[in-house]
Amino acid sequence: MPIQIQPAQPHHRDEQAKLVHASLDVWHRTRLNMDRFGRAWEPFRFLVDTYAALDPGCSVVAVDESGALLGTAFYHPRETHVGVGVVSVNPEAFGRGVARAMMEEIIRIAEGKPLRLVSSAMNLDSFSLYTRLGFVPQVTLQAVTLQVPKDGLPGASTRLRAATMNDVPAIADLEMRLNGIRKEKDYRFFVANATGGWRLSIIDKPDGSPAGFLAASVHANDRLLGQGVAEDDATMHELVHGTLDQHFRGSETVWLIPVGCTGLVRQAYGWGARNRETHLFNVLGDAPPMRGITIPTFLPESG
């Protein structure tokens, strides 16, 4: 049956959540021999709802002639680029070109703006798809997981403070200066914290401008570090250390570390972190040089 690509509608919410769960679950069980996501799809409503809250109407679905959902993909228009979120295909539709059709629609929607996304380096199907479309890997990332002790991590910085709306323009300016992209909307979303599960921390320089910032999700279904940018490795180390200590005591969290940030990698191992997967940061179009230390995230994953 031919594939039809159309904007997602509110009534697709649960079907999108089921599809994202099924896609991730099947791939990890069959390719990595890992039962990482369990059998419950309901927690994935959080992912769909987060995308909808951040960028209403910015998702597409692939359906067949009967209206059955074959795939779903999310995207994030920003001032300088378009970020691509989770791209998922119904396992029964693997090999039918569903992901390519959805990505081609997002490329059309981007109208020439660069596209940025994080993908698994261990999924050769997605690697092949993105490189065939012209995406170029820019940075290799380690996904590490850590069970933070109940008593926290010793020696954590006390310089972190919670960012406010007044800080957002300066945070966006820092990312623009270091990485050549701007996504002020993301940081307003974190500070507004409508669901109560977001944190955005900042470290100031002596002149009051930001040296770096780091967001975190402390939701029960989504304990992640990122997005974050810092001028140097030491500042990002301080942000990660302090955020883990302040917001993740007694819980497990996941974050992405650029493999070239050897100091951060060694410190994560020193805390007891373990590698979970390898990822690639990919760009289609112009890619300004990344001069800062950047920690992307899986959600909202807006590049």
C-alpha atoms as a PDB file:
ATOM      1  CA  MET A   1       0.000   0.000   0.000  1.00  0.00           C
ATOM      2  CA  PRO A   2       1.262   3.541  -0.702  1.00  0.00           C
ATOM      3  CA  ILE A   3       2.559   5.621   2.203  1.00  0.00           C
ATOM      4  CA  GLN A   4       0.832   8.904   2.976  1.00  0.00           C
ATOM      5  CA  ILE A   5       2.615  11.584   5.034  1.00  0.00           C
ATOM      6  CA  GLN A   6       0.409  14.028   6.912  1.00  0.00           C
ATOM      7  CA  PRO A   7       0.534  16.312   9.956  1.00  0.00           C
ATOM      8  CA  ALA A   8      -0.101  14.486  13.220  1.00  0.00           C
ATOM      9  CA  GLN A   9      -3.422  15.225  14.900  1.00  0.00           C
ATOM     10  CA  PRO A  10      -4.357  15.197  18.617  1.00  0.00           C
ATOM     11  CA  HIS A  11      -6.179  11.886  18.200  1.00  0.00           C
ATOM     12  CA  HIS A  12      -2.860  10.282  17.138  1.00  0.00           C
ATOM     13  CA  ARG A  13      -1.336  10.849  20.602  1.00  0.00           C
ATOM     14  CA  ASP A  14      -1.688   7.349  22.035  1.00  0.00           C
ATOM     15  CA  GLU A  15      -0.884   5.655  18.733  1.00  0.00           C
ATOM     16  CA  GLN A  16       2.280   7.737  18.470  1.00  0.00           C
ATOM     17  CA  ALA A  17       3.280   6.755  22.016  1.00  0.00           C
ATOM     18  CA  LYS A  18       2.637   3.065  21.281  1.00  0.00           C
ATOM     19  CA  LEU A  19       4.620   3.267  18.051  1.00  0.00           C
ATOM     20  CA  VAL A  20       7.650   4.992  19.630  1.00  0.00           C
ATOM     21  CA  HIS A  21       7.690   2.366  22.381  1.00  0.00           C
ATOM     22  CA  ALA A  22       7.348  -0.551  19.962  1.00  0.00           C
ATOM     23  CA  SER A  23      10.064   0.756  17.653  1.00  0.00           C
ATOM     24  CA  LEU A  24      12.579   1.264  20.455  1.00  0.00           C
ATOM     25  CA  ASP A  25      11.657  -1.953  22.263  1.00  0.00           C
ATOM     26  CA  VAL A  26      11.920  -4.210  19.234  1.00  0.00           C
ATOM     27  CA  TRP A  27      15.192  -2.687  18.053  1.00  0.00           C
ATOM     28  CA  HIS A  28      16.893  -2.946  21.440  1.00  0.00           C
ATOM     29  CA  ARG A  29      15.673  -6.509  22.053  1.00  0.00           C
ATOM     30  CA  THR A  30      16.535  -7.843  18.600  1.00  0.00           C
ATOM     31  CA  ARG A  31      19.733  -5.887  17.905  1.00  0.00           C
ATOM     32  CA  LEU A  32      21.253  -5.249  21.347  1.00  0.00           C
ATOM     33  CA  ASN A  33      19.635  -8.090  23.315  1.00  0.00           C
ATOM     34  CA  MET A  34      18.396  -5.548  25.868  1.00  0.00           C
ATOM     35  CA  ASP A  35      14.933  -5.370  27.425  1.00  0.00           C
ATOM     36  CA  ARG A  36      15.369  -1.691  28.257  1.00  0.00           C
ATOM     37  CA  PHE A  37      11.880  -0.286  27.843  1.00  0.00           C
ATOM     38  CA  GLY A  38       9.639  -2.989  29.302  1.00  0.00           C
ATOM     39  CA  ARG A  39       6.205  -3.794  27.931  1.00  0.00           C
ATOM     40  CA  ALA A  40       4.329  -0.665  29.041  1.00  0.00           C
ATOM     41  CA  TRP A  41       3.841   1.955  26.331  1.00  0.00           C
ATOM     42  CA  GLU A  42       1.967   4.454  28.522  1.00  0.00           C
ATOM     43  CA  PRO A  43       5.117   6.238  29.815  1.00  0.00           C
ATOM     44  CA  PHE A  44       5.843   7.274  26.223  1.00  0.00           C
ATOM     45  CA  ARG A  45       2.854   9.608  26.336  1.00  0.00           C
ATOM     46  CA  PHE A  46       5.260  11.902  28.176  1.00  0.00           C
ATOM     47  CA  LEU A  47       7.516  12.086  25.125  1.00  0.00           C
ATOM     48  CA  VAL A  48       4.630  12.910  22.775  1.00  0.00           C
ATOM     49  CA  ASP A  49       3.206  15.466  25.211  1.00  0.00           C
ATOM     50  CA  THR A  50       6.586  17.156  25.685  1.00  0.00           C
ATOM     51  CA  TYR A  51       7.060  17.576  21.951  1.00  0.00           C
ATOM     52  CA  ALA A  52       3.505  18.888  21.610  1.00  0.00           C
ATOM     53  CA  ALA A  53       4.009  21.415  24.427  1.00  0.00           C
ATOM     54  CA  LEU A  54       7.335  22.655  23.060  1.00  0.00           C
ATOM     55  CA  ASP A  55       6.374  22.822  19.373  1.00  0.00           C
ATOM     56  CA  PRO A  56       2.622  22.361  18.822  1.00  0.00           C
ATOM     57  CA  GLY A  57       1.798  20.862  15.460  1.00  0.00           C
ATOM     58  CA  CYS A  58       5.391  20.007  14.599  1.00  0.00           C
ATOM     59  CA  SER A  59       5.118  16.291  13.977  1.00  0.00           C
ATOM     60  CA  VAL A  60       4.215  14.150  11.012  1.00  0.00           C
ATOM     61  CA  VAL A  61       2.810  10.662  10.709  1.00  0.00           C
ATOM     62  CA  ALA A  62       2.969   8.072   7.961  1.00  0.00           C
ATOM     63  CA  VAL A  63      -0.235   6.113   7.339  1.00  0.00           C
ATOM     64  CA  ASP A  64      -1.365   3.494   4.855  1.00  0.00           C
ATOM     65  CA  GLU A  65      -4.592   3.585   2.864  1.00  0.00           C
ATOM     66  CA  SER A  66      -6.553   2.182   5.810  1.00  0.00           C
ATOM     67  CA  GLY A  67      -5.282   4.969   8.095  1.00  0.00           C
ATOM     68  CA  ALA A  68      -3.056   2.629  10.133  1.00  0.00           C
ATOM     69  CA  LEU A  69      -0.052   4.404  11.630  1.00  0.00           C
ATOM     70  CA  LEU A  70       3.229   3.283  10.057  1.00  0.00           C
ATOM     71  CA  GLY A  71       5.559   5.911  11.499  1.00  0.00           C
ATOM     72  CA  THR A  72       5.897   9.205  13.317  1.00  0.00           C
ATOM     73  CA  ALA A  73       8.562  11.923  13.420  1.00  0.00           C
ATOM     74  CA  PHE A  74       8.953  15.200  15.322  1.00  0.00           C
ATOM     75  CA  TYR A  75      10.736  18.402  14.348  1.00  0.00           C
ATOM     76  CA  HIS A  76      11.647  21.726  15.963  1.00  0.00           C
ATOM     77  CA  PRO A  77      11.872  24.929  13.886  1.00  0.00           C
ATOM     78  CA  ARG A  78      14.373  27.363  15.388  1.00  0.00           C
ATOM     79  CA  GLU A  79      15.866  30.699  14.396  1.00  0.00           C
ATOM     80  CA  THR A  80      18.962  29.198  12.793  1.00  0.00           C
ATOM     81  CA  HIS A  81      18.014  25.623  11.937  1.00  0.00           C
ATOM     82  CA  VAL A  82      15.457  22.838  12.322  1.00  0.00           C
ATOM     83  CA  GLY A  83      16.056  20.180  14.955  1.00  0.00           C
ATOM     84  CA  VAL A  84      14.797  16.651  14.335  1.00  0.00           C
ATOM     85  CA  GLY A  85      13.389  14.721  17.273  1.00  0.00           C
ATOM     86  CA  VAL A  86      12.461  11.051  17.554  1.00  0.00           C
ATOM     87  CA  VAL A  87      11.818   9.256  14.254  1.00  0.00           C
ATOM     88  CA  SER A  88       9.990   5.953  14.766  1.00  0.00           C
ATOM     89  CA  VAL A  89       8.644   3.281  12.435  1.00  0.00           C
ATOM     90  CA  ASN A  90       6.184   0.499  13.199  1.00  0.00           C
ATOM     91  CA  PRO A  91       8.307  -2.688  13.328  1.00  0.00           C
ATOM     92  CA  GLU A  92       5.877  -4.345  10.898  1.00  0.00           C
ATOM     93  CA  ALA A  93       6.660  -1.587   8.366  1.00  0.00           C
ATOM     94  CA  PHE A  94      10.468  -1.844   8.504  1.00  0.00           C
ATOM     95  CA  GLY A  95      11.995  -1.805   5.041  1.00  0.00           C
ATOM     96  CA  ARG A  96       9.132   0.024   3.355  1.00  0.00           C
ATOM     97  CA  GLY A  97      10.755   3.449   3.159  1.00  0.00           C
ATOM     98  CA  VAL A  98       8.587   4.950   5.904  1.00  0.00           C
ATOM     99  CA  ALA A  99      11.392   6.776   7.733  1.00  0.00           C
ATOM    100  CA  ARG A 100      12.789   8.169   4.485  1.00  0.00           C
ATOM    101  CA  ALA A 101       9.366   9.483   3.442  1.00  0.00           C
ATOM    102  CA  MET A 102       8.904  11.256   6.784  1.00  0.00           C
ATOM    103  CA  MET A 103      12.407  12.730   6.700  1.00  0.00           C
ATOM    104  CA  GLU A 104      11.933  13.982   3.155  1.00  0.00           C
ATOM    105  CA  GLU A 105       8.786  15.776   4.327  1.00  0.00           C
ATOM    106  CA  ILE A 106      10.675  17.411   7.225  1.00  0.00           C
ATOM    107  CA  ILE A 107      13.440  18.465   4.832  1.00  0.00           C
ATOM    108  CA  ARG A 108      10.760  20.051   2.643  1.00  0.00           C
ATOM    109  CA  ILE A 109       9.242  21.823   5.654  1.00  0.00           C
ATOM    110  CA  ALA A 110      12.692  23.169   6.645  1.00  0.00           C
ATOM    111  CA  GLU A 111      12.797  25.173   3.390  1.00  0.00           C
ATOM    112  CA  GLY A 112      16.573  25.146   3.131  1.00  0.00           C
ATOM    113  CA  LYS A 113      17.435  25.645   6.788  1.00  0.00           C
ATOM    114  CA  PRO A 114      20.092  23.255   8.133  1.00  0.00           C
ATOM    115  CA  LEU A 115      18.754  20.187   9.937  1.00  0.00           C
ATOM    116  CA  ARG A 116      20.386  18.809  13.078  1.00  0.00           C
ATOM    117  CA  LEU A 117      19.735  15.497  14.843  1.00  0.00           C
ATOM    118  CA  VAL A 118      21.178  12.943  17.248  1.00  0.00           C
ATOM    119  CA  SER A 119      21.022   9.313  16.126  1.00  0.00           C
ATOM    120  CA  SER A 120      22.260   5.950  17.342  1.00  0.00           C
ATOM    121  CA  ALA A 121      25.646   5.020  15.905  1.00  0.00           C
ATOM    122  CA  MET A 122      24.729   1.392  16.546  1.00  0.00           C
ATOM    123  CA  ASN A 123      21.656   1.431  14.302  1.00  0.00           C
ATOM    124  CA  LEU A 124      23.098   0.995  10.828  1.00  0.00           C
ATOM    125  CA  ASP A 125      19.663   1.311   9.245  1.00  0.00           C
ATOM    126  CA  SER A 126      19.231   4.864  10.564  1.00  0.00           C
ATOM    127  CA  PHE A 127      22.894   5.673   9.863  1.00  0.00           C
ATOM    128  CA  SER A 128      22.406   4.631   6.243  1.00  0.00           C
ATOM    129  CA  LEU A 129      19.163   6.584   5.958  1.00  0.00           C
ATOM    130  CA  TYR A 130      20.623   9.829   7.246  1.00  0.00           C
ATOM    131  CA  THR A 131      23.852   9.632   5.260  1.00  0.00           C
ATOM    132  CA  ARG A 132      21.917   8.823   2.071  1.00  0.00           C
ATOM    133  CA  LEU A 133      19.872  11.967   2.693  1.00  0.00           C
ATOM    134  CA  GLY A 134      23.083  13.966   3.001  1.00  0.00           C
ATOM    135  CA  PHE A 135      23.496  14.237   6.777  1.00  0.00           C
ATOM    136  CA  VAL A 136      27.110  14.338   7.924  1.00  0.00           C
ATOM    137  CA  PRO A 137      28.155  13.108  11.391  1.00  0.00           C
ATOM    138  CA  GLN A 138      29.907  15.901  13.308  1.00  0.00           C
ATOM    139  CA  VAL A 139      30.452  14.562  16.827  1.00  0.00           C
ATOM    140  CA  THR A 140      30.519  11.093  18.394  1.00  0.00           C
ATOM    141  CA  LEU A 141      28.723  10.855  21.745  1.00  0.00           C
ATOM    142  CA  GLN A 142      28.750   8.363  24.595  1.00  0.00           C
ATOM    143  CA  ALA A 143      25.417   7.744  26.298  1.00  0.00           C
ATOM    144  CA  VAL A 144      26.257   6.963  29.914  1.00  0.00           C
ATOM    145  CA  THR A 145      24.013   5.985  32.785  1.00  0.00           C
ATOM    146  CA  LEU A 146      24.707   6.594  36.471  1.00  0.00           C
ATOM    147  CA  GLN A 147      22.963   5.653  39.689  1.00  0.00           C
ATOM    148  CA  VAL A 148      23.586   8.739  41.830  1.00  0.00           C
ATOM    149  CA  PRO A 149      24.149   7.884  45.512  1.00  0.00           C
ATOM    150  CA  LYS A 150      21.434   8.922  47.956  1.00  0.00           C
ATOM    151  CA  ASP A 151      23.952  11.140  49.720  1.00  0.00           C
ATOM    152  CA  GLY A 152      24.946  12.797  46.460  1.00  0.00           C
ATOM    153  CA  LEU A 153      28.374  13.264  44.920  1.00  0.00           C
ATOM    154  CA  PRO A 154      31.144  14.683  47.109  1.00  0.00           C
ATOM    155  CA  GLY A 155      32.765  17.935  46.150  1.00  0.00           C
ATOM    156  CA  ALA A 156      29.925  19.278  44.029  1.00  0.00           C
ATOM    157  CA  SER A 157      30.034  22.948  43.126  1.00  0.00           C
ATOM    158  CA  THR A 158      27.951  25.488  44.984  1.00  0.00           C
ATOM    159  CA  ARG A 159      28.241  28.035  42.157  1.00  0.00           C
ATOM    160  CA  LEU A 160      25.234  26.691  40.281  1.00  0.00           C
ATOM    161  CA  ARG A 161      22.064  28.707  40.456  1.00  0.00           C
ATOM    162  CA  ALA A 162      18.647  28.293  38.892  1.00  0.00           C
ATOM    163  CA  ALA A 163      18.264  30.230  35.653  1.00  0.00           C
ATOM    164  CA  THR A 164      15.437  32.742  35.335  1.00  0.00           C
ATOM    165  CA  MET A 165      13.627  34.186  32.334  1.00  0.00           C
ATOM    166  CA  ASN A 166      15.941  37.192  32.558  1.00  0.00           C
ATOM    167  CA  ASP A 167      18.890  34.853  31.902  1.00  0.00           C
ATOM    168  CA  VAL A 168      17.450  33.288  28.752  1.00  0.00           C
ATOM    169  CA  PRO A 169      18.651  35.875  26.191  1.00  0.00           C
ATOM    170  CA  ALA A 170      22.214  35.678  27.546  1.00  0.00           C
ATOM    171  CA  ILE A 171      22.072  31.864  27.520  1.00  0.00           C
ATOM    172  CA  ALA A 172      20.923  31.909  23.897  1.00  0.00           C
ATOM    173  CA  ASP A 173      23.638  34.441  23.060  1.00  0.00           C
ATOM    174  CA  LEU A 174      26.301  32.169  24.584  1.00  0.00           C
ATOM    175  CA  GLU A 175      25.191  29.215  22.460  1.00  0.00           C
ATOM    176  CA  MET A 176      25.107  31.416  19.379  1.00  0.00           C
ATOM    177  CA  ARG A 177      28.612  32.688  20.050  1.00  0.00           C
ATOM    178  CA  LEU A 178      30.078  29.234  20.687  1.00  0.00           C
ATOM    179  CA  ASN A 179      28.082  27.011  18.327  1.00  0.00           C
ATOM    180  CA  GLY A 180      26.490  29.326  15.781  1.00  0.00           C
ATOM    181  CA  ILE A 181      22.910  28.291  16.553  1.00  0.00           C
ATOM    182  CA  ARG A 182      20.102  29.848  18.548  1.00  0.00           C
ATOM    183  CA  LYS A 183      17.191  28.126  20.283  1.00  0.00           C
ATOM    184  CA  GLU A 184      15.916  30.572  22.862  1.00  0.00           C
ATOM    185  CA  LYS A 185      12.513  28.863  22.807  1.00  0.00           C
ATOM    186  CA  ASP A 186      13.948  25.735  24.441  1.00  0.00           C
ATOM    187  CA  TYR A 187      15.346  27.643  27.395  1.00  0.00           C
ATOM    188  CA  ARG A 188      12.152  29.596  27.964  1.00  0.00           C
ATOM    189  CA  PHE A 189      10.371  26.242  27.976  1.00  0.00           C
ATOM    190  CA  PHE A 190      12.718  24.858  30.645  1.00  0.00           C
ATOM    191  CA  VAL A 191      12.452  27.931  32.873  1.00  0.00           C
ATOM    192  CA  ALA A 192       8.648  28.136  32.541  1.00  0.00           C
ATOM    193  CA  ASN A 193       8.600  24.516  33.760  1.00  0.00           C
ATOM    194  CA  ALA A 194       4.875  24.025  33.226  1.00  0.00           C
ATOM    195  CA  THR A 195       5.009  20.345  34.235  1.00  0.00           C
ATOM    196  CA  GLY A 196       7.335  20.846  37.203  1.00  0.00           C
ATOM    197  CA  GLY A 197      10.014  18.423  36.003  1.00  0.00           C
ATOM    198  CA  TRP A 198      12.536  20.684  34.295  1.00  0.00           C
ATOM    199  CA  ARG A 199      15.633  22.321  35.747  1.00  0.00           C
ATOM    200  CA  LEU A 200      17.941  24.851  34.099  1.00  0.00           C
ATOM    201  CA  SER A 201      21.152  25.720  35.937  1.00  0.00           C
ATOM    202  CA  ILE A 202      23.715  28.395  35.124  1.00  0.00           C
ATOM    203  CA  ILE A 203      27.211  29.331  36.239  1.00  0.00           C
ATOM    204  CA  ASP A 204      28.113  33.016  36.036  1.00  0.00           C
ATOM    205  CA  LYS A 205      31.450  34.586  35.216  1.00  0.00           C
ATOM    206  CA  PRO A 206      32.733  37.430  37.415  1.00  0.00           C
ATOM    207  CA  ASP A 207      31.198  39.977  35.039  1.00  0.00           C
ATOM    208  CA  GLY A 208      27.767  38.380  35.431  1.00  0.00           C
ATOM    209  CA  SER A 209      27.604  36.800  31.977  1.00  0.00           C
ATOM    210  CA  PRO A 210      27.074  33.020  31.730  1.00  0.00           C
ATOM    211  CA  ALA A 211      30.082  30.706  31.518  1.00  0.00           C
ATOM    212  CA  GLY A 212      27.755  27.787  30.861  1.00  0.00           C
ATOM    213  CA  PHE A 213      24.328  26.303  31.447  1.00  0.00           C
ATOM    214  CA  LEU A 214      22.787  22.858  31.717  1.00  0.00           C
ATOM    215  CA  ALA A 215      19.175  21.716  31.572  1.00  0.00           C
ATOM    216  CA  ALA A 216      17.839  18.530  33.137  1.00  0.00           C
ATOM    217  CA  SER A 217      14.619  16.560  33.186  1.00  0.00           C
ATOM    218  CA  VAL A 218      13.733  15.096  36.583  1.00  0.00           C
ATOM    219  CA  HIS A 219      10.404  13.589  35.486  1.00  0.00           C
ATOM    220  CA  ALA A 220       9.848  10.050  36.711  1.00  0.00           C
ATOM    221  CA  ASN A 221       9.643   8.782  33.114  1.00  0.00           C
ATOM    222  CA  ASP A 222      12.538  10.819  31.764  1.00  0.00           C
ATOM    223  CA  ARG A 223      15.600  11.440  33.960  1.00  0.00           C
ATOM    224  CA  LEU A 224      18.104  13.080  31.645  1.00  0.00           C
ATOM    225  CA  LEU A 225      20.803  15.729  31.553  1.00  0.00           C
ATOM    226  CA  GLY A 226      20.907  18.164  28.607  1.00  0.00           C
ATOM    227  CA  GLN A 227      20.755  20.451  26.732  1.00  0.00           C
ATOM    228  CA  GLY A 228      23.835  22.284  27.914  1.00  0.00           C
ATOM    229  CA  VAL A 229      26.693  24.424  26.619  1.00  0.00           C
ATOM    230  CA  ALA A 230      29.795  25.713  28.386  1.00  0.00           C
ATOM    231  CA  GLU A 231      32.868  27.670  27.395  1.00  0.00           C
ATOM    232  CA  ASP A 232      35.259  24.980  28.614  1.00  0.00           C
ATOM    233  CA  ASP A 233      35.513  21.467  29.968  1.00  0.00           C
ATOM    234  CA  ALA A 234      35.960  22.596  33.572  1.00  0.00           C
ATOM    235  CA  THR A 235      32.725  24.627  33.564  1.00  0.00           C
ATOM    236  CA  MET A 236      30.736  21.758  32.050  1.00  0.00           C
ATOM    237  CA  HIS A 237      32.233  19.356  34.587  1.00  0.00           C
ATOM    238  CA  GLU A 238      31.070  21.686  37.360  1.00  0.00           C
ATOM    239  CA  LEU A 239      27.584  21.923  35.830  1.00  0.00           C
ATOM    240  CA  VAL A 240      27.210  18.149  35.452  1.00  0.00           C
ATOM    241  CA  HIS A 241      28.596  17.466  38.934  1.00  0.00           C
ATOM    242  CA  GLY A 242      26.352  20.038  40.597  1.00  0.00           C
ATOM    243  CA  THR A 243      23.216  19.084  38.662  1.00  0.00           C
ATOM    244  CA  LEU A 244      23.609  15.408  39.507  1.00  0.00           C
ATOM    245  CA  ASP A 245      24.183  16.224  43.160  1.00  0.00           C
ATOM    246  CA  GLN A 246      21.305  18.692  43.473  1.00  0.00           C
ATOM    247  CA  HIS A 247      18.590  16.981  41.422  1.00  0.00           C
ATOM    248  CA  PHE A 248      19.300  13.251  41.021  1.00  0.00           C
ATOM    249  CA  ARG A 249      20.250  11.922  44.437  1.00  0.00           C
ATOM    250  CA  GLY A 250      19.132   8.313  44.800  1.00  0.00           C
ATOM    251  CA  SER A 251      18.051   7.985  41.169  1.00  0.00           C
ATOM    252  CA  GLU A 252      19.472   6.849  37.868  1.00  0.00           C
ATOM    253  CA  THR A 253      20.056   9.280  35.043  1.00  0.00           C
ATOM    254  CA  VAL A 254      21.407   9.270  31.506  1.00  0.00           C
ATOM    255  CA  TRP A 255      23.400  11.858  29.606  1.00  0.00           C
ATOM    256  CA  LEU A 256      25.458  12.235  26.451  1.00  0.00           C
ATOM    257  CA  ILE A 257      29.161  13.114  26.534  1.00  0.00           C
ATOM    258  CA  PRO A 258      31.190  14.051  23.446  1.00  0.00           C
ATOM    259  CA  VAL A 259      33.923  11.417  23.276  1.00  0.00           C
ATOM    260  CA  GLY A 260      36.528  14.144  22.796  1.00  0.00           C
ATOM    261  CA  CYS A 261      35.774  15.584  26.250  1.00  0.00           C
ATOM    262  CA  THR A 262      38.158  13.191  27.941  1.00  0.00           C
ATOM    263  CA  GLY A 263      38.011  14.931  31.307  1.00  0.00           C
ATOM    264  CA  LEU A 264      34.238  14.575  31.488  1.00  0.00           C
ATOM    265  CA  VAL A 265      34.446  10.966  30.323  1.00  0.00           C
ATOM    266  CA  ARG A 266      37.009  10.064  32.988  1.00  0.00           C
ATOM    267  CA  GLN A 267      35.021  11.798  35.707  1.00  0.00           C
ATOM    268  CA  ALA A 268      31.821   9.963  34.699  1.00  0.00           C
ATOM    269  CA  TYR A 269      33.696   6.657  34.953  1.00  0.00           C
ATOM    270  CA  GLY A 270      35.059   7.766  38.309  1.00  0.00           C
ATOM    271  CA  TRP A 271      31.523   8.246  39.604  1.00  0.00           C
ATOM    272  CA  GLY A 272      30.622   4.748  38.395  1.00  0.00           C
ATOM    273  CA  ALA A 273      28.870   5.615  35.122  1.00  0.00           C
ATOM    274  CA  ARG A 274      28.558   2.932  32.472  1.00  0.00           C
ATOM    275  CA  ASN A 275      28.255   3.222  28.721  1.00  0.00           C
ATOM    276  CA  ARG A 276      24.815   2.416  27.349  1.00  0.00           C
ATOM    277  CA  GLU A 277      25.041   3.271  23.662  1.00  0.00           C
ATOM    278  CA  THR A 278      27.016   5.317  21.147  1.00  0.00           C
ATOM    279  CA  HIS A 279      25.392   8.172  19.239  1.00  0.00           C
ATOM    280  CA  LEU A 280      26.206  10.608  16.464  1.00  0.00           C
ATOM    281  CA  PHE A 281      25.358  14.283  16.154  1.00  0.00           C
ATOM    282  CA  ASN A 282      24.485  14.852  12.479  1.00  0.00           C
ATOM    283  CA  VAL A 283      23.927  17.928  10.321  1.00  0.00           C
ATOM    284  CA  LEU A 284      22.343  18.390   6.898  1.00  0.00           C
ATOM    285  CA  GLY A 285      23.480  21.720   5.471  1.00  0.00           C
ATOM    286  CA  ASP A 286      25.813  24.313   6.932  1.00  0.00           C
ATOM    287  CA  ALA A 287      27.384  23.338  10.252  1.00  0.00           C
ATOM    288  CA  PRO A 288      29.079  26.187  12.142  1.00  0.00           C
ATOM    289  CA  PRO A 289      32.132  25.049  14.111  1.00  0.00           C
ATOM    290  CA  MET A 290      31.280  24.003  17.666  1.00  0.00           C
ATOM    291  CA  ARG A 291      33.748  25.800  19.912  1.00  0.00           C
ATOM    292  CA  GLY A 292      32.099  25.124  23.243  1.00  0.00           C
ATOM    293  CA  ILE A 293      31.491  21.969  25.228  1.00  0.00           C
ATOM    294  CA  THR A 294      28.010  20.779  24.287  1.00  0.00           C
ATOM    295  CA  ILE A 295      25.820  18.141  25.913  1.00  0.00           C
ATOM    296  CA  PRO A 296      22.782  17.406  23.755  1.00  0.00           C
ATOM    297  CA  THR A 297      19.823  15.406  24.969  1.00  0.00           C
ATOM    298  CA  PHE A 298      17.293  12.808  23.842  1.00  0.00           C
ATOM    299  CA  LEU A 299      14.284  14.870  24.870  1.00  0.00           C
ATOM    300  CA  PRO A 300      13.315  17.423  23.712  1.00  0.00           C
ATOM    301  CA  GLU A 301      16.251  16.784  21.342  1.00  0.00           C
ATOM    302  CA  SER A 302      15.898  19.983  19.377  1.00  0.00           C
ATOM    303  CA  GLY A 303      19.436  19.961  18.026  1.00  0.00           C
END
